[in-house]
Structures are given as structure tokens and as C-alpha cells.
Amino acid sequence: MSAEDLEKYETEQELQLYREYRDVVGLFTHVVETERRFYLCNEVDLQVRSDGGEVYFDVRMTDAWVWDVYRPARFVKKVRVITFKDVNIEDITKSDLEFPKGETFPR
């Protein structure tokens, strides 16, 4: 497989993932971003914990969708993330779901 073929394959996978995101985002109420992943979910619980002076975040989500191009099944019943890095949680408002008509994934 040439470098060009690999790049074309990766571009197609990203386009497919974007289209899936666009189709499912309306099913969820929260966006959760960690240093490693981007999630859509319907329930999220963030607990700030401390162990020996180190502060970390314990994030639990239910009914989640994971933005990961290499993951064959992106829908997950329960997710738990433990991280020392920042966690961003946002509520999705229905007005955020408006996609411009005819717009496609940038190439």
C-alpha cells in the first residue's frame, strides 16, 4: 500500500466518522472531551478526587458514543475515564445541532 493509498483510506475513514457523528449527535445531551477522546453521552458524572496530594478526575458516562476512527463499535453502554488532565463537559442544546444545508466534510 502506497503512502497515497494510506492517506486516501484515512481521509475516507474520517469522512465516514464525521457523517456518523452528524447523524447521531441529536441523540445525546452532553459532550465530554478528555486528553485522549471525544464523547457524546446522555449521562455524565464528574468526581474530583485526591490521592496523596495528586488531584485527578473520575468521569463516568452512560449511553455514550466515542469519536475514534479506529474503533469498530463506537456506541458504548458505560464508560469510565480516570485522568490527571483537563476534562471539558458541555450540554448540547438543540440549536447547536443545526448543520448548514449541503455542507460536507472539508477535504
C-alpha atoms as a PDB file:
ATOM      1  CA  MET A   1       0.000   0.000   0.000  1.00  0.00           C
ATOM      2  CA  SER A   2       1.478   3.342  -1.006  1.00  0.00           C
ATOM      3  CA  ALA A   3       1.541   6.436   1.195  1.00  0.00           C
ATOM      4  CA  GLU A   4      -1.054   7.998  -1.103  1.00  0.00           C
ATOM      5  CA  ASP A   5      -3.366   4.985  -0.727  1.00  0.00           C
ATOM      6  CA  LEU A   6      -2.988   5.124   3.043  1.00  0.00           C
ATOM      7  CA  GLU A   7      -3.770   8.840   3.125  1.00  0.00           C
ATOM      8  CA  LYS A   8      -6.841   8.302   0.932  1.00  0.00           C
ATOM      9  CA  TYR A   9      -8.030   5.479   3.230  1.00  0.00           C
ATOM     10  CA  GLU A  10      -7.571   7.632   6.359  1.00  0.00           C
ATOM     11  CA  THR A  11      -9.425  10.537   4.729  1.00  0.00           C
ATOM     12  CA  GLU A  12     -12.343   8.249   3.848  1.00  0.00           C
ATOM     13  CA  GLN A  13     -12.440   6.875   7.407  1.00  0.00           C
ATOM     14  CA  GLU A  14     -12.520  10.411   8.852  1.00  0.00           C
ATOM     15  CA  LEU A  15     -15.301  11.399   6.458  1.00  0.00           C
ATOM     16  CA  GLN A  16     -17.315   8.338   7.465  1.00  0.00           C
ATOM     17  CA  LEU A  17     -16.778   9.168  11.164  1.00  0.00           C
ATOM     18  CA  TYR A  18     -17.869  12.780  10.652  1.00  0.00           C
ATOM     19  CA  ARG A  19     -21.029  11.640   8.877  1.00  0.00           C
ATOM     20  CA  GLU A  20     -21.798   9.210  11.692  1.00  0.00           C
ATOM     21  CA  TYR A  21     -21.262  11.998  14.249  1.00  0.00           C
ATOM     22  CA  ARG A  22     -23.602  14.281  12.307  1.00  0.00           C
ATOM     23  CA  ASP A  23     -26.247  11.513  12.279  1.00  0.00           C
ATOM     24  CA  VAL A  24     -26.048  10.649  15.996  1.00  0.00           C
ATOM     25  CA  VAL A  25     -25.309  13.945  17.770  1.00  0.00           C
ATOM     26  CA  GLY A  26     -29.035  14.666  18.153  1.00  0.00           C
ATOM     27  CA  LEU A  27     -29.433  11.551  20.297  1.00  0.00           C
ATOM     28  CA  PHE A  28     -27.214  12.894  23.096  1.00  0.00           C
ATOM     29  CA  THR A  29     -27.319  15.632  25.727  1.00  0.00           C
ATOM     30  CA  HIS A  30     -23.634  16.072  26.656  1.00  0.00           C
ATOM     31  CA  VAL A  31     -20.243  16.421  25.008  1.00  0.00           C
ATOM     32  CA  VAL A  32     -17.242  15.248  27.036  1.00  0.00           C
ATOM     33  CA  GLU A  33     -13.667  15.921  25.953  1.00  0.00           C
ATOM     34  CA  THR A  34     -10.628  14.370  27.589  1.00  0.00           C
ATOM     35  CA  GLU A  35      -6.989  14.446  26.525  1.00  0.00           C
ATOM     36  CA  ARG A  36      -7.480  11.202  24.601  1.00  0.00           C
ATOM     37  CA  ARG A  37     -11.099  11.043  23.428  1.00  0.00           C
ATOM     38  CA  PHE A  38     -14.236  12.935  22.488  1.00  0.00           C
ATOM     39  CA  TYR A  39     -17.559  11.500  23.688  1.00  0.00           C
ATOM     40  CA  LEU A  40     -21.246  12.152  23.242  1.00  0.00           C
ATOM     41  CA  CYS A  41     -23.388  10.834  26.100  1.00  0.00           C
ATOM     42  CA  ASN A  42     -26.713  11.177  27.865  1.00  0.00           C
ATOM     43  CA  GLU A  43     -25.462  10.988  31.444  1.00  0.00           C
ATOM     44  CA  VAL A  44     -22.164  12.165  32.857  1.00  0.00           C
ATOM     45  CA  ASP A  45     -20.828  12.229  36.408  1.00  0.00           C
ATOM     46  CA  LEU A  46     -17.555  14.026  37.158  1.00  0.00           C
ATOM     47  CA  GLN A  47     -15.863  13.447  40.503  1.00  0.00           C
ATOM     48  CA  VAL A  48     -12.703  15.301  41.523  1.00  0.00           C
ATOM     49  CA  ARG A  49     -10.575  13.002  43.641  1.00  0.00           C
ATOM     50  CA  SER A  50      -7.319  13.312  45.539  1.00  0.00           C
ATOM     51  CA  ASP A  51      -4.793  10.624  46.372  1.00  0.00           C
ATOM     52  CA  GLY A  52      -1.600  11.546  48.194  1.00  0.00           C
ATOM     53  CA  GLY A  53      -1.791  15.176  47.135  1.00  0.00           C
ATOM     54  CA  GLU A  54      -2.415  14.370  43.449  1.00  0.00           C
ATOM     55  CA  VAL A  55      -5.768  15.544  42.082  1.00  0.00           C
ATOM     56  CA  TYR A  56      -7.429  13.520  39.339  1.00  0.00           C
ATOM     57  CA  PHE A  57     -10.795  13.295  37.635  1.00  0.00           C
ATOM     58  CA  ASP A  58     -13.083  10.280  37.647  1.00  0.00           C
ATOM     59  CA  VAL A  59     -15.589  10.633  34.796  1.00  0.00           C
ATOM     60  CA  ARG A  60     -18.421   8.153  34.297  1.00  0.00           C
ATOM     61  CA  MET A  61     -20.723   8.244  31.293  1.00  0.00           C
ATOM     62  CA  THR A  62     -23.675   6.148  30.196  1.00  0.00           C
ATOM     63  CA  ASP A  63     -25.140   5.670  26.732  1.00  0.00           C
ATOM     64  CA  ALA A  64     -22.061   7.071  25.024  1.00  0.00           C
ATOM     65  CA  TRP A  65     -20.717   7.421  21.511  1.00  0.00           C
ATOM     66  CA  VAL A  66     -16.929   7.616  21.101  1.00  0.00           C
ATOM     67  CA  TRP A  67     -15.163   9.662  18.401  1.00  0.00           C
ATOM     68  CA  ASP A  68     -12.488   7.163  17.412  1.00  0.00           C
ATOM     69  CA  VAL A  69     -11.816   6.377  13.780  1.00  0.00           C
ATOM     70  CA  TYR A  70     -10.147   3.054  14.626  1.00  0.00           C
ATOM     71  CA  ARG A  71     -12.880   1.720  16.915  1.00  0.00           C
ATOM     72  CA  PRO A  72     -15.252  -0.703  15.148  1.00  0.00           C
ATOM     73  CA  ALA A  73     -18.125  -0.189  17.658  1.00  0.00           C
ATOM     74  CA  ARG A  74     -18.479   3.417  18.779  1.00  0.00           C
ATOM     75  CA  PHE A  75     -21.634   3.027  20.897  1.00  0.00           C
ATOM     76  CA  VAL A  76     -20.804   2.140  24.495  1.00  0.00           C
ATOM     77  CA  LYS A  77     -23.239   1.443  27.356  1.00  0.00           C
ATOM     78  CA  LYS A  78     -20.884   2.650  30.125  1.00  0.00           C
ATOM     79  CA  VAL A  79     -17.571   4.490  30.050  1.00  0.00           C
ATOM     80  CA  ARG A  80     -15.225   5.338  32.899  1.00  0.00           C
ATOM     81  CA  VAL A  81     -12.255   7.648  32.400  1.00  0.00           C
ATOM     82  CA  ILE A  82      -9.691   8.404  35.085  1.00  0.00           C
ATOM     83  CA  THR A  83      -7.333  11.223  34.165  1.00  0.00           C
ATOM     84  CA  PHE A  84      -4.971  13.785  35.622  1.00  0.00           C
ATOM     85  CA  LYS A  85      -5.588  16.048  32.604  1.00  0.00           C
ATOM     86  CA  ASP A  86      -8.370  18.546  31.994  1.00  0.00           C
ATOM     87  CA  VAL A  87     -11.896  17.360  31.260  1.00  0.00           C
ATOM     88  CA  ASN A  88     -14.386  19.517  29.374  1.00  0.00           C
ATOM     89  CA  ILE A  89     -18.122  18.813  29.725  1.00  0.00           C
ATOM     90  CA  GLU A  90     -20.757  20.719  27.794  1.00  0.00           C
ATOM     91  CA  ASP A  91     -24.513  20.411  27.497  1.00  0.00           C
ATOM     92  CA  ILE A  92     -25.743  20.083  23.930  1.00  0.00           C
ATOM     93  CA  THR A  93     -28.511  22.495  23.083  1.00  0.00           C
ATOM     94  CA  LYS A  94     -30.725  21.686  20.155  1.00  0.00           C
ATOM     95  CA  SER A  95     -29.710  24.929  18.392  1.00  0.00           C
ATOM     96  CA  ASP A  96     -26.097  23.605  18.367  1.00  0.00           C
ATOM     97  CA  LEU A  97     -27.252  20.788  16.109  1.00  0.00           C
ATOM     98  CA  GLU A  98     -28.019  22.914  13.064  1.00  0.00           C
ATOM     99  CA  PHE A  99     -25.714  21.911  10.219  1.00  0.00           C
ATOM    100  CA  PRO A 100     -25.582  24.141   7.152  1.00  0.00           C
ATOM    101  CA  LYS A 101     -27.523  22.610   4.291  1.00  0.00           C
ATOM    102  CA  GLY A 102     -25.378  20.913   1.692  1.00  0.00           C
ATOM    103  CA  GLU A 103     -22.166  21.293   3.699  1.00  0.00           C
ATOM    104  CA  THR A 104     -19.807  18.375   3.553  1.00  0.00           C
ATOM    105  CA  PHE A 105     -16.698  17.388   5.418  1.00  0.00           C
ATOM    106  CA  PRO A 106     -13.738  19.562   4.407  1.00  0.00           C
ATOM    107  CA  ARG A 107     -11.222  17.861   2.155  1.00  0.00           C
END
